[in-house]
Amino acid sequence: MDSQPVEPVSYICGDCGQENTLKPGDVIQCRECGYRILYKKRTRRSEQCYPVLKLVGGRVELVKSCSMKLVDS
């Protein structure tokens, strides 16, 4: 069985604001100040679907389901 390498995920320390990268199994703790509350950074791209609904004769119909790409600025 081939296991793909796991990419580290970026987190921001809730106390000092330092960026930390963690892999599965790492201790959840800031490497700079030791604070144990870290917030996950937003990913660069995220895909979300929002349904478009229309009211027709007292009924709600699905017009389309669209896909949007969100990018952090």
C-alpha atoms as a PDB file:
ATOM      1  CA  MET A   1       0.000   0.000   0.000  1.00  0.00           C
ATOM      2  CA  ASP A   2       1.450   3.374  -1.068  1.00  0.00           C
ATOM      3  CA  SER A   3       1.071   6.103   1.502  1.00  0.00           C
ATOM      4  CA  GLN A   4       1.369   9.624   0.175  1.00  0.00           C
ATOM      5  CA  PRO A   5       3.529  12.060   2.139  1.00  0.00           C
ATOM      6  CA  VAL A   6       1.473  14.345   4.364  1.00  0.00           C
ATOM      7  CA  GLU A   7       2.041  18.056   3.822  1.00  0.00           C
ATOM      8  CA  PRO A   8       2.363  20.155   6.967  1.00  0.00           C
ATOM      9  CA  VAL A   9      -0.511  22.521   7.774  1.00  0.00           C
ATOM     10  CA  SER A  10       0.066  26.151   8.816  1.00  0.00           C
ATOM     11  CA  TYR A  11      -1.321  27.450  12.097  1.00  0.00           C
ATOM     12  CA  ILE A  12      -1.125  30.855  13.800  1.00  0.00           C
ATOM     13  CA  CYS A  13      -0.387  31.117  17.525  1.00  0.00           C
ATOM     14  CA  GLY A  14      -3.266  32.631  19.502  1.00  0.00           C
ATOM     15  CA  ASP A  15      -0.835  34.520  21.761  1.00  0.00           C
ATOM     16  CA  CYS A  16       2.219  35.736  19.836  1.00  0.00           C
ATOM     17  CA  GLY A  17       0.898  35.395  16.249  1.00  0.00           C
ATOM     18  CA  GLN A  18       3.862  33.290  15.105  1.00  0.00           C
ATOM     19  CA  GLU A  19       3.195  30.951  12.166  1.00  0.00           C
ATOM     20  CA  ASN A  20       3.700  27.270  13.008  1.00  0.00           C
ATOM     21  CA  THR A  21       3.613  24.299  10.638  1.00  0.00           C
ATOM     22  CA  LEU A  22       2.414  21.002  12.061  1.00  0.00           C
ATOM     23  CA  LYS A  23       2.167  17.465  10.736  1.00  0.00           C
ATOM     24  CA  PRO A  24      -0.064  14.715  12.144  1.00  0.00           C
ATOM     25  CA  GLY A  25       1.319  13.568  15.491  1.00  0.00           C
ATOM     26  CA  ASP A  26       3.091  16.864  16.285  1.00  0.00           C
ATOM     27  CA  VAL A  27       2.449  18.506  19.651  1.00  0.00           C
ATOM     28  CA  ILE A  28      -0.098  21.319  19.353  1.00  0.00           C
ATOM     29  CA  GLN A  29       2.027  24.063  20.851  1.00  0.00           C
ATOM     30  CA  CYS A  30       3.633  27.258  19.549  1.00  0.00           C
ATOM     31  CA  ARG A  31       7.333  26.736  18.904  1.00  0.00           C
ATOM     32  CA  GLU A  32       8.044  30.385  19.778  1.00  0.00           C
ATOM     33  CA  CYS A  33       6.173  30.991  23.061  1.00  0.00           C
ATOM     34  CA  GLY A  34       4.745  27.582  24.048  1.00  0.00           C
ATOM     35  CA  TYR A  35       1.099  28.708  23.902  1.00  0.00           C
ATOM     36  CA  ARG A  36      -1.218  25.762  23.238  1.00  0.00           C
ATOM     37  CA  ILE A  37      -4.016  27.449  21.260  1.00  0.00           C
ATOM     38  CA  LEU A  38      -3.317  27.562  17.531  1.00  0.00           C
ATOM     39  CA  TYR A  39      -5.651  28.737  14.770  1.00  0.00           C
ATOM     40  CA  LYS A  40      -5.596  27.095  11.353  1.00  0.00           C
ATOM     41  CA  LYS A  41      -4.581  29.428   8.542  1.00  0.00           C
ATOM     42  CA  ARG A  42      -6.963  29.735   5.647  1.00  0.00           C
ATOM     43  CA  THR A  43      -6.102  27.754   2.578  1.00  0.00           C
ATOM     44  CA  ARG A  44      -5.203  29.591  -0.609  1.00  0.00           C
ATOM     45  CA  ARG A  45      -8.104  28.092  -2.580  1.00  0.00           C
ATOM     46  CA  SER A  46     -11.392  26.801  -1.411  1.00  0.00           C
ATOM     47  CA  GLU A  47     -14.351  25.618  -3.394  1.00  0.00           C
ATOM     48  CA  GLN A  48     -17.896  26.033  -2.152  1.00  0.00           C
ATOM     49  CA  CYS A  49     -21.254  25.476  -3.810  1.00  0.00           C
ATOM     50  CA  TYR A  50     -24.266  27.647  -3.237  1.00  0.00           C
ATOM     51  CA  PRO A  51     -27.653  26.615  -4.612  1.00  0.00           C
ATOM     52  CA  VAL A  52     -29.596  29.173  -6.643  1.00  0.00           C
ATOM     53  CA  LEU A  53     -33.303  28.851  -5.835  1.00  0.00           C
ATOM     54  CA  LYS A  54     -36.336  30.392  -7.531  1.00  0.00           C
ATOM     55  CA  LEU A  55     -39.913  30.658  -6.274  1.00  0.00           C
ATOM     56  CA  VAL A  56     -42.304  29.415  -8.989  1.00  0.00           C
ATOM     57  CA  GLY A  57     -46.042  29.264  -8.292  1.00  0.00           C
ATOM     58  CA  GLY A  58     -45.579  28.773  -4.567  1.00  0.00           C
ATOM     59  CA  ARG A  59     -42.856  26.130  -5.052  1.00  0.00           C
ATOM     60  CA  VAL A  60     -39.136  26.508  -4.635  1.00  0.00           C
ATOM     61  CA  GLU A  61     -37.124  25.168  -7.569  1.00  0.00           C
ATOM     62  CA  LEU A  62     -33.400  24.645  -7.863  1.00  0.00           C
ATOM     63  CA  VAL A  63     -32.190  26.748 -10.790  1.00  0.00           C
ATOM     64  CA  LYS A  64     -28.528  25.761 -10.627  1.00  0.00           C
ATOM     65  CA  SER A  65     -25.787  24.919  -8.230  1.00  0.00           C
ATOM     66  CA  CYS A  66     -22.768  27.104  -8.824  1.00  0.00           C
ATOM     67  CA  SER A  67     -19.162  26.721  -7.831  1.00  0.00           C
ATOM     68  CA  MET A  68     -17.080  29.635  -6.627  1.00  0.00           C
ATOM     69  CA  LYS A  69     -13.349  29.767  -6.057  1.00  0.00           C
ATOM     70  CA  LEU A  70     -12.298  31.906  -3.113  1.00  0.00           C
ATOM     71  CA  VAL A  71      -8.765  33.259  -2.919  1.00  0.00           C
ATOM     72  CA  ASP A  72      -7.181  34.943   0.092  1.00  0.00           C
ATOM     73  CA  SER A  73      -5.835  38.386  -0.561  1.00  0.00           C
END
